[in-house]
Structure formats: C-alpha cells, structure tokens
C-alpha cells in the first residue's frame, strides 16, 4: 500500500463533516486512491484524462507505480489536497 493510505484518509476526514462514515467506507476498500475517487465524485477516466495516461493510473491502483514528487503534485491538484500526502 502506498504512503497515501492513512495520511490521505486523515487529511480527507479532517476536512469532511462525516469523518466516521468516511473511515468506515475506507475499511471496505482496498485502495485509498479508489476511495478518493469515489468520495470526490470523480472517475478513474477523469484521472486518466487529467494525467494523460491510462496505464499510469492502472499501475498506481495496482501498487506497481511509485508516486514521484511530480506525480504527487499532480494528484494533489486533481484531488485538491496537499501533494505531500502522496509522497514521503
């Protein structure tokens, strides 16, 4: 699992009123990125379009793609959260 797992969830839930429900939802999901997509109302296709790469998103979701600083910044922009949550 990527760095994003608990750091992103903490950031996300701190900024949302129903954080307990958000925590319960995360436990039902394997991938925090899918959780963020669902909670933001965006789709995998939206993210693929935003990053201009279909395979990159699949690799991130499969855990085979390391999230670089540049990619973390793009993901932060896409989800409107701090890029540091995606990168150590």
PDB file of N, CA and C in Angstrom:
ATOM      1  N   UNK A   1       0.847  -1.178   0.000  1.00  0.00           N
ATOM      2  CA  UNK A   1       0.000   0.000   0.000  1.00  0.00           C
ATOM      3  C   UNK A   1       0.893   1.242   0.000  1.00  0.00           C
ATOM      4  N   UNK A   2       0.502   2.247  -0.679  1.00  0.00           N
ATOM      5  CA  UNK A   2       1.291   3.469  -0.798  1.00  0.00           C
ATOM      6  C   UNK A   2       1.237   4.313   0.464  1.00  0.00           C
ATOM      7  N   UNK A   3       2.114   5.289   0.515  1.00  0.00           N
ATOM      8  CA  UNK A   3       2.152   6.276   1.590  1.00  0.00           C
ATOM      9  C   UNK A   3       0.796   6.920   1.770  1.00  0.00           C
ATOM     10  N   UNK A   4       0.038   7.019   0.709  1.00  0.00           N
ATOM     11  CA  UNK A   4      -1.211   7.768   0.761  1.00  0.00           C
ATOM     12  C   UNK A   4      -2.238   7.180   1.706  1.00  0.00           C
ATOM     13  N   UNK A   5      -2.135   5.904   1.991  1.00  0.00           N
ATOM     14  CA  UNK A   5      -3.168   5.205   2.739  1.00  0.00           C
ATOM     15  C   UNK A   5      -3.771   5.977   3.896  1.00  0.00           C
ATOM     16  N   UNK A   6      -3.054   6.074   4.981  1.00  0.00           N
ATOM     17  CA  UNK A   6      -3.628   6.666   6.183  1.00  0.00           C
ATOM     18  C   UNK A   6      -3.460   8.177   6.236  1.00  0.00           C
ATOM     19  N   UNK A   7      -2.407   8.693   5.647  1.00  0.00           N
ATOM     20  CA  UNK A   7      -2.203  10.141   5.651  1.00  0.00           C
ATOM     21  C   UNK A   7      -3.300  10.839   4.865  1.00  0.00           C
ATOM     22  N   UNK A   8      -3.641  10.313   3.714  1.00  0.00           N
ATOM     23  CA  UNK A   8      -4.692  10.916   2.900  1.00  0.00           C
ATOM     24  C   UNK A   8      -6.034  10.770   3.592  1.00  0.00           C
ATOM     25  N   UNK A   9      -6.277   9.613   4.119  1.00  0.00           N
ATOM     26  CA  UNK A   9      -7.550   9.423   4.801  1.00  0.00           C
ATOM     27  C   UNK A   9      -7.698  10.402   5.952  1.00  0.00           C
ATOM     28  N   UNK A  10      -6.638  10.588   6.725  1.00  0.00           N
ATOM     29  CA  UNK A  10      -6.702  11.527   7.852  1.00  0.00           C
ATOM     30  C   UNK A  10      -6.991  12.939   7.349  1.00  0.00           C
ATOM     31  N   UNK A  11      -6.266  13.356   6.324  1.00  0.00           N
ATOM     32  CA  UNK A  11      -6.474  14.691   5.758  1.00  0.00           C
ATOM     33  C   UNK A  11      -7.900  14.833   5.228  1.00  0.00           C
ATOM     34  N   UNK A  12      -8.343  13.817   4.515  1.00  0.00           N
ATOM     35  CA  UNK A  12      -9.676  13.866   3.916  1.00  0.00           C
ATOM     36  C   UNK A  12     -10.752  13.942   4.987  1.00  0.00           C
ATOM     37  N   UNK A  13     -10.647  13.097   5.988  1.00  0.00           N
ATOM     38  CA  UNK A  13     -11.688  13.055   7.006  1.00  0.00           C
ATOM     39  C   UNK A  13     -11.677  14.292   7.886  1.00  0.00           C
ATOM     40  N   UNK A  14     -10.513  14.913   8.074  1.00  0.00           N
ATOM     41  CA  UNK A  14     -10.452  16.143   8.854  1.00  0.00           C
ATOM     42  C   UNK A  14     -11.199  17.273   8.157  1.00  0.00           C
ATOM     43  N   UNK A  15     -11.296  17.184   6.838  1.00  0.00           N
ATOM     44  CA  UNK A  15     -11.937  18.243   6.058  1.00  0.00           C
ATOM     45  C   UNK A  15     -13.386  17.932   5.701  1.00  0.00           C
ATOM     46  N   UNK A  16     -13.925  16.857   6.227  1.00  0.00           N
ATOM     47  CA  UNK A  16     -15.290  16.478   5.909  1.00  0.00           C
ATOM     48  C   UNK A  16     -16.070  16.195   7.184  1.00  0.00           C
ATOM     49  N   UNK A  17     -17.286  16.633   7.184  1.00  0.00           N
ATOM     50  CA  UNK A  17     -18.116  16.570   8.392  1.00  0.00           C
ATOM     51  C   UNK A  17     -18.360  15.144   8.869  1.00  0.00           C
ATOM     52  N   UNK A  18     -18.617  14.258   7.974  1.00  0.00           N
ATOM     53  CA  UNK A  18     -18.966  12.902   8.375  1.00  0.00           C
ATOM     54  C   UNK A  18     -17.744  11.989   8.320  1.00  0.00           C
ATOM     55  N   UNK A  19     -16.725  12.317   9.093  1.00  0.00           N
ATOM     56  CA  UNK A  19     -15.468  11.593   9.029  1.00  0.00           C
ATOM     57  C   UNK A  19     -15.599  10.151   9.507  1.00  0.00           C
ATOM     58  N   UNK A  20     -16.474   9.871  10.443  1.00  0.00           N
ATOM     59  CA  UNK A  20     -16.653   8.492  10.901  1.00  0.00           C
ATOM     60  C   UNK A  20     -17.180   7.622   9.766  1.00  0.00           C
ATOM     61  N   UNK A  21     -18.103   8.159   9.012  1.00  0.00           N
ATOM     62  CA  UNK A  21     -18.619   7.408   7.864  1.00  0.00           C
ATOM     63  C   UNK A  21     -17.510   7.210   6.833  1.00  0.00           C
ATOM     64  N   UNK A  22     -16.693   8.221   6.616  1.00  0.00           N
ATOM     65  CA  UNK A  22     -15.582   8.109   5.675  1.00  0.00           C
ATOM     66  C   UNK A  22     -14.610   7.019   6.118  1.00  0.00           C
ATOM     67  N   UNK A  23     -14.338   6.933   7.404  1.00  0.00           N
ATOM     68  CA  UNK A  23     -13.461   5.888   7.926  1.00  0.00           C
ATOM     69  C   UNK A  23     -14.055   4.504   7.687  1.00  0.00           C
ATOM     70  N   UNK A  24     -15.332   4.368   7.917  1.00  0.00           N
ATOM     71  CA  UNK A  24     -15.986   3.077   7.681  1.00  0.00           C
ATOM     72  C   UNK A  24     -15.901   2.684   6.206  1.00  0.00           C
ATOM     73  N   UNK A  25     -16.082   3.656   5.353  1.00  0.00           N
ATOM     74  CA  UNK A  25     -16.020   3.381   3.918  1.00  0.00           C
ATOM     75  C   UNK A  25     -14.624   2.934   3.503  1.00  0.00           C
ATOM     76  N   UNK A  26     -13.589   3.552   4.065  1.00  0.00           N
ATOM     77  CA  UNK A  26     -12.222   3.170   3.692  1.00  0.00           C
ATOM     78  C   UNK A  26     -11.956   1.720   4.062  1.00  0.00           C
ATOM     79  N   UNK A  27     -12.441   1.295   5.188  1.00  0.00           N
ATOM     80  CA  UNK A  27     -12.208  -0.080   5.616  1.00  0.00           C
ATOM     81  C   UNK A  27     -12.839  -1.084   4.659  1.00  0.00           C
ATOM     82  N   UNK A  28     -13.815  -0.650   3.894  1.00  0.00           N
ATOM     83  CA  UNK A  28     -14.454  -1.524   2.919  1.00  0.00           C
ATOM     84  C   UNK A  28     -13.654  -1.604   1.623  1.00  0.00           C
ATOM     85  N   UNK A  29     -12.735  -0.674   1.443  1.00  0.00           N
ATOM     86  CA  UNK A  29     -11.996  -0.574   0.192  1.00  0.00           C
ATOM     87  C   UNK A  29     -10.539  -0.975   0.390  1.00  0.00           C
ATOM     88  N   UNK A  30      -9.929  -1.469  -0.673  1.00  0.00           N
ATOM     89  CA  UNK A  30      -8.523  -1.854  -0.605  1.00  0.00           C
ATOM     90  C   UNK A  30      -7.610  -0.682  -0.938  1.00  0.00           C
ATOM     91  N   UNK A  31      -7.999   0.144  -1.858  1.00  0.00           N
ATOM     92  CA  UNK A  31      -7.108   1.171  -2.384  1.00  0.00           C
ATOM     93  C   UNK A  31      -7.593   2.566  -2.003  1.00  0.00           C
ATOM     94  N   UNK A  32      -6.764   3.322  -1.290  1.00  0.00           N
ATOM     95  CA  UNK A  32      -7.148   4.690  -0.920  1.00  0.00           C
ATOM     96  C   UNK A  32      -7.439   5.576  -2.137  1.00  0.00           C
ATOM     97  N   UNK A  33      -6.761   5.314  -3.261  1.00  0.00           N
ATOM     98  CA  UNK A  33      -6.998   6.121  -4.456  1.00  0.00           C
ATOM     99  C   UNK A  33      -8.436   5.924  -4.939  1.00  0.00           C
ATOM    100  N   UNK A  34      -8.925   4.699  -4.890  1.00  0.00           N
ATOM    101  CA  UNK A  34     -10.313   4.446  -5.279  1.00  0.00           C
ATOM    102  C   UNK A  34     -11.274   5.131  -4.328  1.00  0.00           C
ATOM    103  N   UNK A  35     -10.924   5.137  -3.052  1.00  0.00           N
ATOM    104  CA  UNK A  35     -11.726   5.841  -2.050  1.00  0.00           C
ATOM    105  C   UNK A  35     -11.796   7.329  -2.383  1.00  0.00           C
ATOM    106  N   UNK A  36     -10.655   7.922  -2.689  1.00  0.00           N
ATOM    107  CA  UNK A  36     -10.627   9.350  -3.027  1.00  0.00           C
ATOM    108  C   UNK A  36     -11.440   9.634  -4.288  1.00  0.00           C
ATOM    109  N   UNK A  37     -11.318   8.777  -5.277  1.00  0.00           N
ATOM    110  CA  UNK A  37     -12.098   8.972  -6.497  1.00  0.00           C
ATOM    111  C   UNK A  37     -13.588   8.948  -6.188  1.00  0.00           C
ATOM    112  N   UNK A  38     -13.997   7.959  -5.443  1.00  0.00           N
ATOM    113  CA  UNK A  38     -15.415   7.827  -5.120  1.00  0.00           C
ATOM    114  C   UNK A  38     -15.915   9.019  -4.309  1.00  0.00           C
ATOM    115  N   UNK A  39     -15.169   9.390  -3.293  1.00  0.00           N
ATOM    116  CA  UNK A  39     -15.598  10.475  -2.416  1.00  0.00           C
ATOM    117  C   UNK A  39     -15.579  11.837  -3.102  1.00  0.00           C
ATOM    118  N   UNK A  40     -14.711  11.990  -4.092  1.00  0.00           N
ATOM    119  CA  UNK A  40     -14.636  13.265  -4.800  1.00  0.00           C
ATOM    120  C   UNK A  40     -15.659  13.359  -5.924  1.00  0.00           C
ATOM    121  N   UNK A  41     -16.306  12.228  -6.234  1.00  0.00           N
ATOM    122  CA  UNK A  41     -17.270  12.222  -7.328  1.00  0.00           C
ATOM    123  C   UNK A  41     -16.608  12.162  -8.688  1.00  0.00           C
ATOM    124  N   UNK A  42     -15.315  11.910  -8.700  1.00  0.00           N
ATOM    125  CA  UNK A  42     -14.583  11.810  -9.959  1.00  0.00           C
ATOM    126  C   UNK A  42     -14.406  10.342 -10.311  1.00  0.00           C
ATOM    127  N   UNK A  43     -14.053  10.099 -11.550  1.00  0.00           N
ATOM    128  CA  UNK A  43     -13.892   8.724 -12.016  1.00  0.00           C
ATOM    129  C   UNK A  43     -12.434   8.442 -12.364  1.00  0.00           C
ATOM    130  N   UNK A  44     -12.155   7.167 -12.532  1.00  0.00           N
ATOM    131  CA  UNK A  44     -10.834   6.752 -12.992  1.00  0.00           C
ATOM    132  C   UNK A  44     -10.536   7.391 -14.349  1.00  0.00           C
ATOM    133  N   UNK A  45     -11.547   7.457 -15.197  1.00  0.00           N
ATOM    134  CA  UNK A  45     -11.383   8.079 -16.518  1.00  0.00           C
ATOM    135  C   UNK A  45     -11.029   9.561 -16.384  1.00  0.00           C
ATOM    136  N   UNK A  46     -11.623  10.246 -15.411  1.00  0.00           N
ATOM    137  CA  UNK A  46     -11.281  11.658 -15.170  1.00  0.00           C
ATOM    138  C   UNK A  46      -9.803  11.795 -14.820  1.00  0.00           C
ATOM    139  N   UNK A  47      -9.339  10.898 -13.954  1.00  0.00           N
ATOM    140  CA  UNK A  47      -7.940  10.944 -13.535  1.00  0.00           C
ATOM    141  C   UNK A  47      -7.016  10.580 -14.691  1.00  0.00           C
ATOM    142  N   UNK A  48      -7.411   9.606 -15.492  1.00  0.00           N
ATOM    143  CA  UNK A  48      -6.608   9.232 -16.663  1.00  0.00           C
ATOM    144  C   UNK A  48      -6.501  10.406 -17.634  1.00  0.00           C
ATOM    145  N   UNK A  49      -7.592  11.094 -17.841  1.00  0.00           N
ATOM    146  CA  UNK A  49      -7.587  12.261 -18.722  1.00  0.00           C
ATOM    147  C   UNK A  49      -6.712  13.367 -18.136  1.00  0.00           C
ATOM    148  N   UNK A  50      -6.852  13.618 -16.842  1.00  0.00           N
ATOM    149  CA  UNK A  50      -6.095  14.669 -16.170  1.00  0.00           C
ATOM    150  C   UNK A  50      -4.593  14.407 -16.265  1.00  0.00           C
ATOM    151  N   UNK A  51      -4.184  13.166 -16.079  1.00  0.00           N
ATOM    152  CA  UNK A  51      -2.758  12.822 -16.115  1.00  0.00           C
ATOM    153  C   UNK A  51      -2.295  12.393 -17.502  1.00  0.00           C
ATOM    154  N   UNK A  52      -3.234  12.311 -18.444  1.00  0.00           N
ATOM    155  CA  UNK A  52      -2.940  11.930 -19.819  1.00  0.00           C
ATOM    156  C   UNK A  52      -2.239  10.571 -19.890  1.00  0.00           C
ATOM    157  N   UNK A  53      -2.717   9.632 -19.082  1.00  0.00           N
ATOM    158  CA  UNK A  53      -2.121   8.298 -19.096  1.00  0.00           C
ATOM    159  C   UNK A  53      -3.083   7.280 -18.509  1.00  0.00           C
ATOM    160  N   UNK A  54      -3.408   6.293 -19.306  1.00  0.00           N
ATOM    161  CA  UNK A  54      -4.276   5.231 -18.828  1.00  0.00           C
ATOM    162  C   UNK A  54      -3.481   4.203 -18.025  1.00  0.00           C
ATOM    163  N   UNK A  55      -2.322   3.828 -18.532  1.00  0.00           N
ATOM    164  CA  UNK A  55      -1.538   2.785 -17.871  1.00  0.00           C
ATOM    165  C   UNK A  55      -0.963   3.254 -16.534  1.00  0.00           C
ATOM    166  N   UNK A  56      -0.628   4.518 -16.421  1.00  0.00           N
ATOM    167  CA  UNK A  56      -0.083   5.050 -15.174  1.00  0.00           C
ATOM    168  C   UNK A  56      -1.087   4.884 -14.033  1.00  0.00           C
ATOM    169  N   UNK A  57      -2.333   5.184 -14.286  1.00  0.00           N
ATOM    170  CA  UNK A  57      -3.367   5.067 -13.259  1.00  0.00           C
ATOM    171  C   UNK A  57      -3.557   3.606 -12.869  1.00  0.00           C
ATOM    172  N   UNK A  58      -3.577   2.716 -13.856  1.00  0.00           N
ATOM    173  CA  UNK A  58      -3.694   1.291 -13.550  1.00  0.00           C
ATOM    174  C   UNK A  58      -2.532   0.822 -12.681  1.00  0.00           C
ATOM    175  N   UNK A  59      -1.333   1.281 -13.002  1.00  0.00           N
ATOM    176  CA  UNK A  59      -0.152   0.898 -12.218  1.00  0.00           C
ATOM    177  C   UNK A  59      -0.214   1.442 -10.790  1.00  0.00           C
ATOM    178  N   UNK A  60      -0.710   2.655 -10.629  1.00  0.00           N
ATOM    179  CA  UNK A  60      -0.863   3.225  -9.283  1.00  0.00           C
ATOM    180  C   UNK A  60      -1.879   2.411  -8.496  1.00  0.00           C
ATOM    181  N   UNK A  61      -3.004   2.118  -9.117  1.00  0.00           N
ATOM    182  CA  UNK A  61      -4.062   1.369  -8.444  1.00  0.00           C
ATOM    183  C   UNK A  61      -3.628  -0.057  -8.104  1.00  0.00           C
ATOM    184  N   UNK A  62      -2.755  -0.620  -8.931  1.00  0.00           N
ATOM    185  CA  UNK A  62      -2.246  -1.968  -8.680  1.00  0.00           C
ATOM    186  C   UNK A  62      -1.078  -1.971  -7.696  1.00  0.00           C
ATOM    187  N   UNK A  63      -0.576  -0.782  -7.356  1.00  0.00           N
ATOM    188  CA  UNK A  63       0.549  -0.682  -6.432  1.00  0.00           C
ATOM    189  C   UNK A  63       1.897  -0.940  -7.069  1.00  0.00           C
ATOM    190  N   UNK A  64       1.964  -0.918  -8.393  1.00  0.00           N
ATOM    191  CA  UNK A  64       3.237  -1.169  -9.071  1.00  0.00           C
ATOM    192  C   UNK A  64       3.938   0.113  -9.515  1.00  0.00           C
ATOM    193  N   UNK A  65       3.290   1.247  -9.356  1.00  0.00           N
ATOM    194  CA  UNK A  65       3.866   2.536  -9.745  1.00  0.00           C
ATOM    195  C   UNK A  65       4.203   3.347  -8.506  1.00  0.00           C
ATOM    196  N   UNK A  66       5.464   3.699  -8.375  1.00  0.00           N
ATOM    197  CA  UNK A  66       5.878   4.576  -7.286  1.00  0.00           C
ATOM    198  C   UNK A  66       5.399   5.995  -7.595  1.00  0.00           C
ATOM    199  N   UNK A  67       4.940   6.677  -6.576  1.00  0.00           N
ATOM    200  CA  UNK A  67       4.451   8.038  -6.765  1.00  0.00           C
ATOM    201  C   UNK A  67       5.611   9.003  -6.568  1.00  0.00           C
ATOM    202  N   UNK A  68       6.030   9.618  -7.664  1.00  0.00           N
ATOM    203  CA  UNK A  68       7.119  10.583  -7.640  1.00  0.00           C
ATOM    204  C   UNK A  68       6.619  11.920  -7.107  1.00  0.00           C
ATOM    205  N   UNK A  69       7.527  12.814  -6.829  1.00  0.00           N
ATOM    206  CA  UNK A  69       7.142  14.145  -6.352  1.00  0.00           C
ATOM    207  C   UNK A  69       6.283  14.860  -7.394  1.00  0.00           C
ATOM    208  N   UNK A  70       6.671  14.761  -8.651  1.00  0.00           N
ATOM    209  CA  UNK A  70       5.904  15.408  -9.728  1.00  0.00           C
ATOM    210  C   UNK A  70       4.492  14.821  -9.811  1.00  0.00           C
ATOM    211  N   UNK A  71       4.396  13.509  -9.731  1.00  0.00           N
ATOM    212  CA  UNK A  71       3.089  12.859  -9.778  1.00  0.00           C
ATOM    213  C   UNK A  71       2.268  13.215  -8.540  1.00  0.00           C
ATOM    214  N   UNK A  72       2.906  13.283  -7.388  1.00  0.00           N
ATOM    215  CA  UNK A  72       2.218  13.669  -6.146  1.00  0.00           C
ATOM    216  C   UNK A  72       1.610  15.061  -6.279  1.00  0.00           C
ATOM    217  N   UNK A  73       2.334  15.973  -6.901  1.00  0.00           N
ATOM    218  CA  UNK A  73       1.823  17.334  -7.090  1.00  0.00           C
ATOM    219  C   UNK A  73       0.596  17.328  -8.003  1.00  0.00           C
ATOM    220  N   UNK A  74       0.653  16.529  -9.042  1.00  0.00           N
ATOM    221  CA  UNK A  74      -0.497  16.434  -9.955  1.00  0.00           C
ATOM    222  C   UNK A  74      -1.703  15.817  -9.256  1.00  0.00           C
ATOM    223  N   UNK A  75      -1.462  14.763  -8.478  1.00  0.00           N
ATOM    224  CA  UNK A  75      -2.561  14.126  -7.743  1.00  0.00           C
ATOM    225  C   UNK A  75      -3.153  15.082  -6.713  1.00  0.00           C
ATOM    226  N   UNK A  76      -2.294  15.851  -6.061  1.00  0.00           N
ATOM    227  CA  UNK A  76      -2.769  16.856  -5.110  1.00  0.00           C
ATOM    228  C   UNK A  76      -3.661  17.877  -5.783  1.00  0.00           C
ATOM    229  N   UNK A  77      -3.262  18.320  -6.970  1.00  0.00           N
ATOM    230  CA  UNK A  77      -4.082  19.268  -7.728  1.00  0.00           C
ATOM    231  C   UNK A  77      -5.419  18.641  -8.124  1.00  0.00           C
ATOM    232  N   UNK A  78      -5.370  17.402  -8.555  1.00  0.00           N
ATOM    233  CA  UNK A  78      -6.587  16.723  -9.004  1.00  0.00           C
ATOM    234  C   UNK A  78      -7.585  16.554  -7.869  1.00  0.00           C
ATOM    235  N   UNK A  79      -7.097  16.126  -6.695  1.00  0.00           N
ATOM    236  CA  UNK A  79      -7.984  15.865  -5.568  1.00  0.00           C
ATOM    237  C   UNK A  79      -8.156  17.069  -4.635  1.00  0.00           C
ATOM    238  N   UNK A  80      -7.439  18.147  -4.911  1.00  0.00           N
ATOM    239  CA  UNK A  80      -7.498  19.362  -4.082  1.00  0.00           C
ATOM    240  C   UNK A  80      -7.077  19.078  -2.645  1.00  0.00           C
ATOM    241  N   UNK A  81      -5.973  18.341  -2.511  1.00  0.00           N
ATOM    242  CA  UNK A  81      -5.381  18.086  -1.200  1.00  0.00           C
ATOM    243  C   UNK A  81      -3.871  18.275  -1.308  1.00  0.00           C
ATOM    244  N   UNK A  82      -3.204  18.282  -0.187  1.00  0.00           N
ATOM    245  CA  UNK A  82      -1.764  18.502  -0.156  1.00  0.00           C
ATOM    246  C   UNK A  82      -1.014  17.399  -0.896  1.00  0.00           C
ATOM    247  N   UNK A  83      -0.097  17.791  -1.774  1.00  0.00           N
ATOM    248  CA  UNK A  83       0.706  16.816  -2.530  1.00  0.00           C
ATOM    249  C   UNK A  83       1.571  15.956  -1.610  1.00  0.00           C
ATOM    250  N   UNK A  84       1.952  16.504  -0.483  1.00  0.00           N
ATOM    251  CA  UNK A  84       2.821  15.758   0.442  1.00  0.00           C
ATOM    252  C   UNK A  84       2.145  14.499   0.971  1.00  0.00           C
ATOM    253  N   UNK A  85       0.827  14.422   0.883  1.00  0.00           N
ATOM    254  CA  UNK A  85       0.122  13.223   1.318  1.00  0.00           C
ATOM    255  C   UNK A  85       0.379  12.029   0.408  1.00  0.00           C
ATOM    256  N   UNK A  86       0.812  12.301  -0.806  1.00  0.00           N
ATOM    257  CA  UNK A  86       1.089  11.238  -1.752  1.00  0.00           C
ATOM    258  C   UNK A  86       2.546  10.838  -1.796  1.00  0.00           C
ATOM    259  N   UNK A  87       3.403  11.622  -1.194  1.00  0.00           N
ATOM    260  CA  UNK A  87       4.845  11.413  -1.344  1.00  0.00           C
ATOM    261  C   UNK A  87       5.536  11.624  -0.018  1.00  0.00           C
ATOM    262  N   UNK A  88       6.496  10.742   0.292  1.00  0.00           N
ATOM    263  CA  UNK A  88       7.238  10.881   1.546  1.00  0.00           C
ATOM    264  C   UNK A  88       8.296  11.942   1.421  1.00  0.00           C
TER     265      UNK A  88
END
